[in-house]
PDB file of N, CA and C in Angstrom:
ATOM      1  N   GLN A   1      -5.490   5.985  -5.902  1.00  0.00           N
ATOM      2  CA  GLN A   1      -4.227   5.556  -5.346  1.00  0.00           C
ATOM      3  C   GLN A   1      -3.906   6.371  -4.104  1.00  0.00           C
ATOM      4  N   VAL A   2      -3.069   5.781  -3.249  1.00  0.00           N
ATOM      5  CA  VAL A   2      -2.659   6.417  -2.013  1.00  0.00           C
ATOM      6  C   VAL A   2      -1.141   6.400  -1.934  1.00  0.00           C
ATOM      7  N   GLN A   3      -0.558   7.519  -1.556  1.00  0.00           N
ATOM      8  CA  GLN A   3       0.869   7.600  -1.284  1.00  0.00           C
ATOM      9  C   GLN A   3       1.068   7.934   0.184  1.00  0.00           C
ATOM     10  N   LEU A   4       1.999   7.224   0.827  1.00  0.00           N
ATOM     11  CA  LEU A   4       2.241   7.361   2.252  1.00  0.00           C
ATOM     12  C   LEU A   4       3.709   7.666   2.504  1.00  0.00           C
ATOM     13  N   VAL A   5       3.980   8.631   3.374  1.00  0.00           N
ATOM     14  CA  VAL A   5       5.343   9.011   3.716  1.00  0.00           C
ATOM     15  C   VAL A   5       5.470   9.088   5.226  1.00  0.00           C
ATOM     16  N   GLU A   6       6.331   8.222   5.798  1.00  0.00           N
ATOM     17  CA  GLU A   6       6.548   8.200   7.246  1.00  0.00           C
ATOM     18  C   GLU A   6       7.684   9.129   7.646  1.00  0.00           C
ATOM     19  N   SER A   7       7.644   9.571   8.893  1.00  0.00           N
ATOM     20  CA  SER A   7       8.724  10.351   9.467  1.00  0.00           C
ATOM     21  C   SER A   7       8.687  10.199  10.983  1.00  0.00           C
ATOM     22  N   GLY A   8       9.759  10.604  11.641  1.00  0.00           N
ATOM     23  CA  GLY A   8       9.796  10.610  13.088  1.00  0.00           C
ATOM     24  C   GLY A   8      10.619   9.508  13.722  1.00  0.00           C
ATOM     25  N   GLY A   9      11.170   8.608  12.927  1.00  0.00           N
ATOM     26  CA  GLY A   9      12.002   7.557  13.478  1.00  0.00           C
ATOM     27  C   GLY A   9      13.323   8.095  13.985  1.00  0.00           C
ATOM     28  N   GLY A  10      14.031   7.258  14.740  1.00  0.00           N
ATOM     29  CA  GLY A  10      15.310   7.673  15.274  1.00  0.00           C
ATOM     30  C   GLY A  10      15.797   6.729  16.342  1.00  0.00           C
ATOM     31  N   LEU A  11      16.811   7.172  17.075  1.00  0.00           N
ATOM     32  CA  LEU A  11      17.430   6.397  18.144  1.00  0.00           C
ATOM     33  C   LEU A  11      16.982   6.940  19.491  1.00  0.00           C
ATOM     34  N   VAL A  12      16.452   6.058  20.339  1.00  0.00           N
ATOM     35  CA  VAL A  12      16.014   6.444  21.678  1.00  0.00           C
ATOM     36  C   VAL A  12      16.474   5.408  22.684  1.00  0.00           C
ATOM     37  N   GLN A  13      16.553   5.810  23.942  1.00  0.00           N
ATOM     38  CA  GLN A  13      16.905   4.892  25.013  1.00  0.00           C
ATOM     39  C   GLN A  13      15.687   4.094  25.460  1.00  0.00           C
ATOM     40  N   ALA A  14      15.927   2.900  25.978  1.00  0.00           N
ATOM     41  CA  ALA A  14      14.849   2.099  26.534  1.00  0.00           C
ATOM     42  C   ALA A  14      14.095   2.895  27.591  1.00  0.00           C
ATOM     43  N   GLY A  15      12.758   2.809  27.544  1.00  0.00           N
ATOM     44  CA  GLY A  15      11.924   3.571  28.450  1.00  0.00           C
ATOM     45  C   GLY A  15      11.517   4.918  27.909  1.00  0.00           C
ATOM     46  N   GLY A  16      12.107   5.333  26.810  1.00  0.00           N
ATOM     47  CA  GLY A  16      11.799   6.614  26.210  1.00  0.00           C
ATOM     48  C   GLY A  16      10.579   6.566  25.315  1.00  0.00           C
ATOM     49  N   SER A  17      10.299   7.699  24.671  1.00  0.00           N
ATOM     50  CA  SER A  17       9.122   7.835  23.819  1.00  0.00           C
ATOM     51  C   SER A  17       9.499   8.391  22.460  1.00  0.00           C
ATOM     52  N   LEU A  18       8.643   8.102  21.486  1.00  0.00           N
ATOM     53  CA  LEU A  18       8.841   8.578  20.130  1.00  0.00           C
ATOM     54  C   LEU A  18       7.478   8.631  19.453  1.00  0.00           C
ATOM     55  N   ARG A  19       7.269   9.614  18.583  1.00  0.00           N
ATOM     56  CA  ARG A  19       6.035   9.688  17.823  1.00  0.00           C
ATOM     57  C   ARG A  19       6.336   9.629  16.333  1.00  0.00           C
ATOM     58  N   LEU A  20       5.731   8.672  15.664  1.00  0.00           N
ATOM     59  CA  LEU A  20       5.853   8.542  14.224  1.00  0.00           C
ATOM     60  C   LEU A  20       4.676   9.223  13.541  1.00  0.00           C
ATOM     61  N   SER A  21       4.939   9.810  12.385  1.00  0.00           N
ATOM     62  CA  SER A  21       3.903  10.459  11.604  1.00  0.00           C
ATOM     63  C   SER A  21       3.848   9.853  10.214  1.00  0.00           C
ATOM     64  N   CYS A  22       2.669   9.827   9.639  1.00  0.00           N
ATOM     65  CA  CYS A  22       2.466   9.344   8.281  1.00  0.00           C
ATOM     66  C   CYS A  22       1.596  10.348   7.546  1.00  0.00           C
ATOM     67  N   ALA A  23       2.150  10.940   6.499  1.00  0.00           N
ATOM     68  CA  ALA A  23       1.407  11.869   5.656  1.00  0.00           C
ATOM     69  C   ALA A  23       0.863  11.112   4.457  1.00  0.00           C
ATOM     70  N   ALA A  24      -0.437  11.197   4.247  1.00  0.00           N
ATOM     71  CA  ALA A  24      -1.099  10.442   3.193  1.00  0.00           C
ATOM     72  C   ALA A  24      -1.682  11.364   2.137  1.00  0.00           C
ATOM     73  N   SER A  25      -1.676  10.885   0.905  1.00  0.00           N
ATOM     74  CA  SER A  25      -2.344  11.575  -0.189  1.00  0.00           C
ATOM     75  C   SER A  25      -3.381  10.639  -0.786  1.00  0.00           C
ATOM     76  N   GLY A  26      -4.467  11.213  -1.275  1.00  0.00           N
ATOM     77  CA  GLY A  26      -5.525  10.402  -1.854  1.00  0.00           C
ATOM     78  C   GLY A  26      -6.885  10.999  -1.568  1.00  0.00           C
ATOM     79  N   ARG A  27      -7.732  10.971  -2.554  1.00  0.00           N
ATOM     80  CA  ARG A  27      -9.044  11.590  -2.419  1.00  0.00           C
ATOM     81  C   ARG A  27      -9.962  10.851  -1.458  1.00  0.00           C
ATOM     82  N   SER A  28      -9.717   9.559  -1.264  1.00  0.00           N
ATOM     83  CA  SER A  28     -10.581   8.737  -0.424  1.00  0.00           C
ATOM     84  C   SER A  28      -9.929   8.360   0.895  1.00  0.00           C
ATOM     85  N   PHE A  29      -8.999   9.186   1.377  1.00  0.00           N
ATOM     86  CA  PHE A  29      -8.260   8.881   2.594  1.00  0.00           C
ATOM     87  C   PHE A  29      -9.177   8.522   3.756  1.00  0.00           C
ATOM     88  N   ARG A  30     -10.249   9.263   3.920  1.00  0.00           N
ATOM     89  CA  ARG A  30     -11.121   9.065   5.073  1.00  0.00           C
ATOM     90  C   ARG A  30     -11.835   7.719   5.065  1.00  0.00           C
ATOM     91  N   THR A  31     -11.893   7.044   3.944  1.00  0.00           N
ATOM     92  CA  THR A  31     -12.551   5.745   3.858  1.00  0.00           C
ATOM     93  C   THR A  31     -11.602   4.586   4.132  1.00  0.00           C
ATOM     94  N   TYR A  32     -10.310   4.836   4.206  1.00  0.00           N
ATOM     95  CA  TYR A  32      -9.328   3.771   4.379  1.00  0.00           C
ATOM     96  C   TYR A  32      -9.063   3.471   5.846  1.00  0.00           C
ATOM     97  N   ALA A  33      -8.833   2.196   6.130  1.00  0.00           N
ATOM     98  CA  ALA A  33      -8.290   1.811   7.417  1.00  0.00           C
ATOM     99  C   ALA A  33      -6.784   2.038   7.368  1.00  0.00           C
ATOM    100  N   MET A  34      -6.266   2.793   8.313  1.00  0.00           N
ATOM    101  CA  MET A  34      -4.849   3.112   8.364  1.00  0.00           C
ATOM    102  C   MET A  34      -4.185   2.338   9.492  1.00  0.00           C
ATOM    103  N   GLY A  35      -2.874   2.173   9.383  1.00  0.00           N
ATOM    104  CA  GLY A  35      -2.207   1.437  10.447  1.00  0.00           C
ATOM    105  C   GLY A  35      -0.705   1.475  10.358  1.00  0.00           C
ATOM    106  N   TRP A  36      -0.105   0.700  11.241  1.00  0.00           N
ATOM    107  CA  TRP A  36       1.341   0.593  11.323  1.00  0.00           C
ATOM    108  C   TRP A  36       1.756  -0.860  11.451  1.00  0.00           C
ATOM    109  N   PHE A  37       2.760  -1.245  10.688  1.00  0.00           N
ATOM    110  CA  PHE A  37       3.421  -2.534  10.795  1.00  0.00           C
ATOM    111  C   PHE A  37       4.899  -2.281  11.036  1.00  0.00           C
ATOM    112  N   ARG A  38       5.594  -3.298  11.515  1.00  0.00           N
ATOM    113  CA  ARG A  38       7.034  -3.168  11.698  1.00  0.00           C
ATOM    114  C   ARG A  38       7.730  -4.452  11.278  1.00  0.00           C
ATOM    115  N   GLN A  39       8.999  -4.318  10.919  1.00  0.00           N
ATOM    116  CA  GLN A  39       9.767  -5.463  10.469  1.00  0.00           C
ATOM    117  C   GLN A  39      11.216  -5.331  10.917  1.00  0.00           C
ATOM    118  N   ALA A  40      11.669  -6.330  11.672  1.00  0.00           N
ATOM    119  CA  ALA A  40      13.057  -6.421  12.087  1.00  0.00           C
ATOM    120  C   ALA A  40      13.804  -7.329  11.118  1.00  0.00           C
ATOM    121  N   PRO A  41      15.135  -7.211  11.036  1.00  0.00           N
ATOM    122  CA  PRO A  41      15.906  -8.048  10.120  1.00  0.00           C
ATOM    123  C   PRO A  41      15.642  -9.539  10.335  1.00  0.00           C
ATOM    124  N   GLY A  42      15.361 -10.255   9.250  1.00  0.00           N
ATOM    125  CA  GLY A  42      15.117 -11.677   9.324  1.00  0.00           C
ATOM    126  C   GLY A  42      13.754 -12.069   9.846  1.00  0.00           C
ATOM    127  N   GLN A  43      12.889 -11.099  10.116  1.00  0.00           N
ATOM    128  CA  GLN A  43      11.566 -11.371  10.669  1.00  0.00           C
ATOM    129  C   GLN A  43      10.470 -11.007   9.671  1.00  0.00           C
ATOM    130  N   GLU A  44       9.288 -11.584   9.882  1.00  0.00           N
ATOM    131  CA  GLU A  44       8.139 -11.220   9.074  1.00  0.00           C
ATOM    132  C   GLU A  44       7.641  -9.840   9.472  1.00  0.00           C
ATOM    133  N   ARG A  45       6.969  -9.187   8.538  1.00  0.00           N
ATOM    134  CA  ARG A  45       6.345  -7.916   8.849  1.00  0.00           C
ATOM    135  C   ARG A  45       5.206  -8.150   9.841  1.00  0.00           C
ATOM    136  N   GLU A  46       5.193  -7.381  10.925  1.00  0.00           N
ATOM    137  CA  GLU A  46       4.326  -7.613  12.062  1.00  0.00           C
ATOM    138  C   GLU A  46       3.358  -6.459  12.273  1.00  0.00           C
ATOM    139  N   PHE A  47       2.099  -6.791  12.515  1.00  0.00           N
ATOM    140  CA  PHE A  47       1.083  -5.782  12.814  1.00  0.00           C
ATOM    141  C   PHE A  47       1.378  -5.103  14.137  1.00  0.00           C
ATOM    142  N   VAL A  48       1.230  -3.792  14.171  1.00  0.00           N
ATOM    143  CA  VAL A  48       1.435  -3.016  15.387  1.00  0.00           C
ATOM    144  C   VAL A  48       0.126  -2.399  15.863  1.00  0.00           C
ATOM    145  N   ALA A  49      -0.521  -1.612  15.009  1.00  0.00           N
ATOM    146  CA  ALA A  49      -1.757  -0.939  15.384  1.00  0.00           C
ATOM    147  C   ALA A  49      -2.502  -0.486  14.144  1.00  0.00           C
ATOM    148  N   GLY A  50      -3.833  -0.391  14.257  1.00  0.00           N
ATOM    149  CA  GLY A  50      -4.649   0.072  13.155  1.00  0.00           C
ATOM    150  C   GLY A  50      -5.786   0.941  13.646  1.00  0.00           C
ATOM    151  N   ILE A  51      -6.327   1.751  12.739  1.00  0.00           N
ATOM    152  CA  ILE A  51      -7.436   2.642  13.069  1.00  0.00           C
ATOM    153  C   ILE A  51      -8.316   2.805  11.835  1.00  0.00           C
ATOM    154  N   ASN A  52      -9.634   2.656  12.004  1.00  0.00           N
ATOM    155  CA  ASN A  52     -10.521   2.794  10.862  1.00  0.00           C
ATOM    156  C   ASN A  52     -11.021   4.228  10.726  1.00  0.00           C
ATOM    157  N   TRP A  53     -11.935   4.438   9.775  1.00  0.00           N
ATOM    158  CA  TRP A  53     -12.375   5.798   9.443  1.00  0.00           C
ATOM    159  C   TRP A  53     -13.071   6.503  10.601  1.00  0.00           C
ATOM    160  N   SER A  54     -13.713   5.739  11.485  1.00  0.00           N
ATOM    161  CA  SER A  54     -14.463   6.332  12.586  1.00  0.00           C
ATOM    162  C   SER A  54     -13.650   6.459  13.872  1.00  0.00           C
ATOM    163  N   GLY A  55     -12.409   5.981  13.863  1.00  0.00           N
ATOM    164  CA  GLY A  55     -11.563   6.101  15.032  1.00  0.00           C
ATOM    165  C   GLY A  55     -11.453   4.856  15.886  1.00  0.00           C
ATOM    166  N   VAL A  56     -12.101   3.761  15.490  1.00  0.00           N
ATOM    167  CA  VAL A  56     -11.956   2.504  16.210  1.00  0.00           C
ATOM    168  C   VAL A  56     -10.542   1.978  16.001  1.00  0.00           C
ATOM    169  N   THR A  57      -9.896   1.553  17.067  1.00  0.00           N
ATOM    170  CA  THR A  57      -8.500   1.134  16.996  1.00  0.00           C
ATOM    171  C   THR A  57      -8.316  -0.322  17.385  1.00  0.00           C
ATOM    172  N   SER A  58      -7.194  -0.867  16.954  1.00  0.00           N
ATOM    173  CA  SER A  58      -6.767  -2.197  17.334  1.00  0.00           C
ATOM    174  C   SER A  58      -5.260  -2.164  17.518  1.00  0.00           C
ATOM    175  N   THR A  59      -4.757  -2.795  18.570  1.00  0.00           N
ATOM    176  CA  THR A  59      -3.323  -2.824  18.821  1.00  0.00           C
ATOM    177  C   THR A  59      -2.866  -4.241  19.123  1.00  0.00           C
ATOM    178  N   ALA A  60      -1.636  -4.538  18.729  1.00  0.00           N
ATOM    179  CA  ALA A  60      -1.061  -5.842  18.999  1.00  0.00           C
ATOM    180  C   ALA A  60      -0.823  -6.022  20.493  1.00  0.00           C
ATOM    181  N   ASP A  61      -0.920  -7.265  20.966  1.00  0.00           N
ATOM    182  CA  ASP A  61      -0.717  -7.542  22.383  1.00  0.00           C
ATOM    183  C   ASP A  61       0.656  -7.073  22.869  1.00  0.00           C
ATOM    184  N   SER A  62       1.647  -7.144  22.004  1.00  0.00           N
ATOM    185  CA  SER A  62       3.005  -6.798  22.391  1.00  0.00           C
ATOM    186  C   SER A  62       3.193  -5.313  22.683  1.00  0.00           C
ATOM    187  N   VAL A  63       2.261  -4.475  22.217  1.00  0.00           N
ATOM    188  CA  VAL A  63       2.408  -3.033  22.407  1.00  0.00           C
ATOM    189  C   VAL A  63       1.245  -2.403  23.158  1.00  0.00           C
ATOM    190  N   LYS A  64       0.242  -3.190  23.551  1.00  0.00           N
ATOM    191  CA  LYS A  64      -0.901  -2.645  24.274  1.00  0.00           C
ATOM    192  C   LYS A  64      -0.460  -1.981  25.568  1.00  0.00           C
ATOM    193  N   GLY A  65      -1.026  -0.808  25.804  1.00  0.00           N
ATOM    194  CA  GLY A  65      -0.672  -0.043  26.982  1.00  0.00           C
ATOM    195  C   GLY A  65       0.529   0.843  26.792  1.00  0.00           C
ATOM    196  N   ARG A  66       1.247   0.666  25.682  1.00  0.00           N
ATOM    197  CA  ARG A  66       2.439   1.460  25.408  1.00  0.00           C
ATOM    198  C   ARG A  66       2.320   2.313  24.147  1.00  0.00           C
ATOM    199  N   PHE A  67       1.680   1.772  23.119  1.00  0.00           N
ATOM    200  CA  PHE A  67       1.554   2.472  21.842  1.00  0.00           C
ATOM    201  C   PHE A  67       0.112   2.917  21.625  1.00  0.00           C
ATOM    202  N   THR A  68      -0.062   4.069  20.998  1.00  0.00           N
ATOM    203  CA  THR A  68      -1.382   4.589  20.672  1.00  0.00           C
ATOM    204  C   THR A  68      -1.397   5.088  19.232  1.00  0.00           C
ATOM    205  N   VAL A  69      -2.369   4.628  18.451  1.00  0.00           N
ATOM    206  CA  VAL A  69      -2.515   5.077  17.075  1.00  0.00           C
ATOM    207  C   VAL A  69      -3.655   6.091  16.999  1.00  0.00           C
ATOM    208  N   SER A  70      -3.490   7.104  16.176  1.00  0.00           N
ATOM    209  CA  SER A  70      -4.527   8.116  15.996  1.00  0.00           C
ATOM    210  C   SER A  70      -4.478   8.627  14.563  1.00  0.00           C
ATOM    211  N   ARG A  71      -5.529   9.339  14.156  1.00  0.00           N
ATOM    212  CA  ARG A  71      -5.551   9.915  12.811  1.00  0.00           C
ATOM    213  C   ARG A  71      -6.207  11.275  12.829  1.00  0.00           C
ATOM    214  N   ASP A  72      -5.797  12.104  11.890  1.00  0.00           N
ATOM    215  CA  ASP A  72      -6.345  13.436  11.694  1.00  0.00           C
ATOM    216  C   ASP A  72      -6.816  13.495  10.251  1.00  0.00           C
ATOM    217  N   ASN A  73      -8.096  13.230  10.046  1.00  0.00           N
ATOM    218  CA  ASN A  73      -8.627  13.154   8.691  1.00  0.00           C
ATOM    219  C   ASN A  73      -8.580  14.495   7.957  1.00  0.00           C
ATOM    220  N   ALA A  74      -8.719  15.590   8.691  1.00  0.00           N
ATOM    221  CA  ALA A  74      -8.699  16.905   8.069  1.00  0.00           C
ATOM    222  C   ALA A  74      -7.357  17.205   7.419  1.00  0.00           C
ATOM    223  N   ASN A  75      -6.291  16.624   7.958  1.00  0.00           N
ATOM    224  CA  ASN A  75      -4.946  16.877   7.447  1.00  0.00           C
ATOM    225  C   ASN A  75      -4.301  15.649   6.820  1.00  0.00           C
ATOM    226  N   ASN A  76      -5.058  14.585   6.630  1.00  0.00           N
ATOM    227  CA  ASN A  76      -4.555  13.352   6.028  1.00  0.00           C
ATOM    228  C   ASN A  76      -3.307  12.842   6.747  1.00  0.00           C
ATOM    229  N   MET A  77      -3.391  12.751   8.074  1.00  0.00           N
ATOM    230  CA  MET A  77      -2.253  12.324   8.871  1.00  0.00           C
ATOM    231  C   MET A  77      -2.626  11.153   9.778  1.00  0.00           C
ATOM    232  N   VAL A  78      -1.675  10.266   9.987  1.00  0.00           N
ATOM    233  CA  VAL A  78      -1.789   9.160  10.930  1.00  0.00           C
ATOM    234  C   VAL A  78      -0.569   9.198  11.836  1.00  0.00           C
ATOM    235  N   TYR A  79      -0.776   8.877  13.106  1.00  0.00           N
ATOM    236  CA  TYR A  79       0.307   8.954  14.076  1.00  0.00           C
ATOM    237  C   TYR A  79       0.417   7.661  14.869  1.00  0.00           C
ATOM    238  N   LEU A  80       1.612   7.408  15.368  1.00  0.00           N
ATOM    239  CA  LEU A  80       1.841   6.315  16.299  1.00  0.00           C
ATOM    240  C   LEU A  80       2.672   6.855  17.451  1.00  0.00           C
ATOM    241  N   GLN A  81       2.037   7.017  18.602  1.00  0.00           N
ATOM    242  CA  GLN A  81       2.735   7.453  19.803  1.00  0.00           C
ATOM    243  C   GLN A  81       3.278   6.227  20.512  1.00  0.00           C
ATOM    244  N   MET A  82       4.583   6.168  20.699  1.00  0.00           N
ATOM    245  CA  MET A  82       5.240   5.019  21.297  1.00  0.00           C
ATOM    246  C   MET A  82       5.874   5.440  22.613  1.00  0.00           C
ATOM    247  N   ASN A  83       5.413   4.835  23.697  1.00  0.00           N
ATOM    248  CA  ASN A  83       5.939   5.105  25.027  1.00  0.00           C
ATOM    249  C   ASN A  83       6.540   3.835  25.617  1.00  0.00           C
ATOM    250  N   SER A  84       7.344   4.003  26.657  1.00  0.00           N
ATOM    251  CA  SER A  84       7.981   2.875  27.341  1.00  0.00           C
ATOM    252  C   SER A  84       8.646   1.931  26.353  1.00  0.00           C
ATOM    253  N   LEU A  85       9.419   2.487  25.458  1.00  0.00           N
ATOM    254  CA  LEU A  85      10.037   1.701  24.395  1.00  0.00           C
ATOM    255  C   LEU A  85      11.026   0.680  24.943  1.00  0.00           C
ATOM    256  N   LYS A  86      11.066  -0.465  24.279  1.00  0.00           N
ATOM    257  CA  LYS A  86      11.945  -1.567  24.641  1.00  0.00           C
ATOM    258  C   LYS A  86      12.867  -1.888  23.474  1.00  0.00           C
ATOM    259  N   PRO A  87      14.028  -2.498  23.742  1.00  0.00           N
ATOM    260  CA  PRO A  87      14.920  -2.871  22.645  1.00  0.00           C
ATOM    261  C   PRO A  87      14.245  -3.747  21.591  1.00  0.00           C
ATOM    262  N   GLU A  88      13.305  -4.603  21.997  1.00  0.00           N
ATOM    263  CA  GLU A  88      12.609  -5.458  21.053  1.00  0.00           C
ATOM    264  C   GLU A  88      11.650  -4.702  20.142  1.00  0.00           C
ATOM    265  N   ASP A  89      11.439  -3.407  20.390  1.00  0.00           N
ATOM    266  CA  ASP A  89      10.654  -2.577  19.490  1.00  0.00           C
ATOM    267  C   ASP A  89      11.474  -2.097  18.295  1.00  0.00           C
ATOM    268  N   THR A  90      12.771  -2.343  18.316  1.00  0.00           N
ATOM    269  CA  THR A  90      13.639  -1.922  17.224  1.00  0.00           C
ATOM    270  C   THR A  90      13.218  -2.592  15.918  1.00  0.00           C
ATOM    271  N   ALA A  91      12.952  -1.790  14.898  1.00  0.00           N
ATOM    272  CA  ALA A  91      12.491  -2.292  13.609  1.00  0.00           C
ATOM    273  C   ALA A  91      12.307  -1.123  12.655  1.00  0.00           C
ATOM    274  N   VAL A  92      12.070  -1.453  11.397  1.00  0.00           N
ATOM    275  CA  VAL A  92      11.589  -0.459  10.448  1.00  0.00           C
ATOM    276  C   VAL A  92      10.074  -0.429  10.562  1.00  0.00           C
ATOM    277  N   TYR A  93       9.514   0.749  10.747  1.00  0.00           N
ATOM    278  CA  TYR A  93       8.075   0.912  10.910  1.00  0.00           C
ATOM    279  C   TYR A  93       7.468   1.446   9.620  1.00  0.00           C
ATOM    280  N   TYR A  94       6.397   0.790   9.171  1.00  0.00           N
ATOM    281  CA  TYR A  94       5.744   1.125   7.918  1.00  0.00           C
ATOM    282  C   TYR A  94       4.317   1.590   8.149  1.00  0.00           C
ATOM    283  N   CYS A  95       3.961   2.683   7.539  1.00  0.00           N
ATOM    284  CA  CYS A  95       2.574   3.129   7.511  1.00  0.00           C
ATOM    285  C   CYS A  95       1.821   2.325   6.460  1.00  0.00           C
ATOM    286  N   SER A  96       0.557   2.022   6.730  1.00  0.00           N
ATOM    287  CA  SER A  96      -0.229   1.198   5.820  1.00  0.00           C
ATOM    288  C   SER A  96      -1.615   1.782   5.594  1.00  0.00           C
ATOM    289  N   ALA A  97      -2.203   1.414   4.463  1.00  0.00           N
ATOM    290  CA  ALA A  97      -3.571   1.804   4.140  1.00  0.00           C
ATOM    291  C   ALA A  97      -4.280   0.636   3.477  1.00  0.00           C
ATOM    292  N   ARG A  98      -5.550   0.455   3.811  1.00  0.00           N
ATOM    293  CA  ARG A  98      -6.342  -0.625   3.242  1.00  0.00           C
ATOM    294  C   ARG A  98      -7.727  -0.133   2.875  1.00  0.00           C
ATOM    295  N   VAL A  99      -8.189  -0.558   1.703  1.00  0.00           N
ATOM    296  CA  VAL A  99      -9.556  -0.278   1.283  1.00  0.00           C
ATOM    297  C   VAL A  99     -10.432  -1.312   1.964  1.00  0.00           C
ATOM    298  N   GLY A 100     -10.920  -0.970   3.130  1.00  0.00           N
ATOM    299  CA  GLY A 100     -11.707  -1.886   3.933  1.00  0.00           C
ATOM    300  C   GLY A 100     -11.445  -1.640   5.402  1.00  0.00           C
ATOM    301  N   GLY A 101     -11.656  -2.670   6.212  1.00  0.00           N
ATOM    302  CA  GLY A 101     -11.461  -2.562   7.641  1.00  0.00           C
ATOM    303  C   GLY A 101     -10.039  -2.859   8.067  1.00  0.00           C
ATOM    304  N   ILE A 102      -9.808  -2.763   9.359  1.00  0.00           N
ATOM    305  CA  ILE A 102      -8.487  -3.039   9.925  1.00  0.00           C
ATOM    306  C   ILE A 102      -8.137  -4.506   9.713  1.00  0.00           C
ATOM    307  N   THR A 103      -6.896  -4.763   9.348  1.00  0.00           N
ATOM    308  CA  THR A 103      -6.412  -6.123   9.226  1.00  0.00           C
ATOM    309  C   THR A 103      -5.077  -6.245   9.935  1.00  0.00           C
ATOM    310  N   THR A 104      -4.810  -7.425  10.486  1.00  0.00           N
ATOM    311  CA  THR A 104      -3.520  -7.698  11.114  1.00  0.00           C
ATOM    312  C   THR A 104      -2.566  -8.410  10.166  1.00  0.00           C
ATOM    313  N   SER A 105      -3.015  -8.688   8.953  1.00  0.00           N
ATOM    314  CA  SER A 105      -2.218  -9.415   7.969  1.00  0.00           C
ATOM    315  C   SER A 105      -1.582  -8.458   6.972  1.00  0.00           C
ATOM    316  N   TYR A 106      -0.257  -8.484   6.894  1.00  0.00           N
ATOM    317  CA  TYR A 106       0.426  -7.611   5.938  1.00  0.00           C
ATOM    318  C   TYR A 106       0.092  -7.964   4.502  1.00  0.00           C
ATOM    319  N   ARG A 107      -0.348  -9.202   4.267  1.00  0.00           N
ATOM    320  CA  ARG A 107      -0.686  -9.636   2.917  1.00  0.00           C
ATOM    321  C   ARG A 107      -1.945  -8.964   2.385  1.00  0.00           C
ATOM    322  N   LEU A 108      -2.752  -8.393   3.255  1.00  0.00           N
ATOM    323  CA  LEU A 108      -4.004  -7.773   2.858  1.00  0.00           C
ATOM    324  C   LEU A 108      -3.925  -6.255   2.760  1.00  0.00           C
ATOM    325  N   ILE A 109      -2.765  -5.697   2.997  1.00  0.00           N
ATOM    326  CA  ILE A 109      -2.589  -4.249   2.914  1.00  0.00           C
ATOM    327  C   ILE A 109      -2.486  -3.804   1.457  1.00  0.00           C
ATOM    328  N   ASP A 110      -3.139  -2.708   1.119  1.00  0.00           N
ATOM    329  CA  ASP A 110      -3.149  -2.208  -0.251  1.00  0.00           C
ATOM    330  C   ASP A 110      -2.026  -1.230  -0.564  1.00  0.00           C
ATOM    331  N   TYR A 111      -1.639  -0.406   0.393  1.00  0.00           N
ATOM    332  CA  TYR A 111      -0.613   0.609   0.169  1.00  0.00           C
ATOM    333  C   TYR A 111       0.351   0.669   1.340  1.00  0.00           C
ATOM    334  N   TRP A 112       1.637   0.908   1.024  1.00  0.00           N
ATOM    335  CA  TRP A 112       2.697   0.991   2.022  1.00  0.00           C
ATOM    336  C   TRP A 112       3.502   2.271   1.878  1.00  0.00           C
ATOM    337  N   GLY A 113       3.965   2.790   3.012  1.00  0.00           N
ATOM    338  CA  GLY A 113       4.968   3.832   2.995  1.00  0.00           C
ATOM    339  C   GLY A 113       6.344   3.224   2.831  1.00  0.00           C
ATOM    340  N   GLN A 114       7.366   4.069   2.769  1.00  0.00           N
ATOM    341  CA  GLN A 114       8.727   3.596   2.536  1.00  0.00           C
ATOM    342  C   GLN A 114       9.408   3.084   3.800  1.00  0.00           C
ATOM    343  N   GLY A 115       8.862   3.391   4.957  1.00  0.00           N
ATOM    344  CA  GLY A 115       9.408   2.928   6.217  1.00  0.00           C
ATOM    345  C   GLY A 115      10.296   3.950   6.899  1.00  0.00           C
ATOM    346  N   THR A 116      10.331   3.893   8.221  1.00  0.00           N
ATOM    347  CA  THR A 116      11.214   4.736   9.010  1.00  0.00           C
ATOM    348  C   THR A 116      11.820   3.889  10.129  1.00  0.00           C
ATOM    349  N   GLN A 117      13.123   4.034  10.340  1.00  0.00           N
ATOM    350  CA  GLN A 117      13.849   3.196  11.287  1.00  0.00           C
ATOM    351  C   GLN A 117      13.661   3.695  12.713  1.00  0.00           C
ATOM    352  N   VAL A 118      13.322   2.770  13.611  1.00  0.00           N
ATOM    353  CA  VAL A 118      13.265   3.034  15.047  1.00  0.00           C
ATOM    354  C   VAL A 118      14.254   2.111  15.729  1.00  0.00           C
ATOM    355  N   THR A 119      15.193   2.677  16.470  1.00  0.00           N
ATOM    356  CA  THR A 119      16.187   1.899  17.193  1.00  0.00           C
ATOM    357  C   THR A 119      16.122   2.264  18.665  1.00  0.00           C
ATOM    358  N   VAL A 120      15.958   1.256  19.519  1.00  0.00           N
ATOM    359  CA  VAL A 120      15.863   1.456  20.958  1.00  0.00           C
ATOM    360  C   VAL A 120      17.082   0.824  21.611  1.00  0.00           C
ATOM    361  N   SER A 121      17.880   1.621  22.280  1.00  0.00           N
ATOM    362  CA  SER A 121      19.088   1.138  22.925  1.00  0.00           C
ATOM    363  C   SER A 121      18.797   0.723  24.365  1.00  0.00           C
ATOM    364  N   SER A 122      19.546  -0.248  24.864  1.00  0.00           N
ATOM    365  CA  SER A 122      19.363  -0.747  26.216  1.00  0.00           C
ATOM    366  C   SER A 122      20.286  -0.046  27.193  1.00  0.00           C
TER     367      SER A 122
END
């Protein structure tokens, strides 16, 4: 089993930056594809970025060039660096883990964190 705890959310101005962190527990952490999804009120949970065990990444078109996902396997940590934030980035951000490769479908995720709120003001 894997337990995930996000932190680093908050209120920022448009154009600002924020870094989210996800602390993971589990003996097989290094074998999991890790990632980030987000969900705004009334919307479906949306893929943001993912990273597999070897460091290969995938990012959604809406955040390419602005967001960067990374992982530190030695410390069981996953990060999401968010730059040039826009009001439409406002959502609850969830850390994810999957036994397998990166997926853009929230239905295929095996483990979720509790979420952290990101609010971007205009």
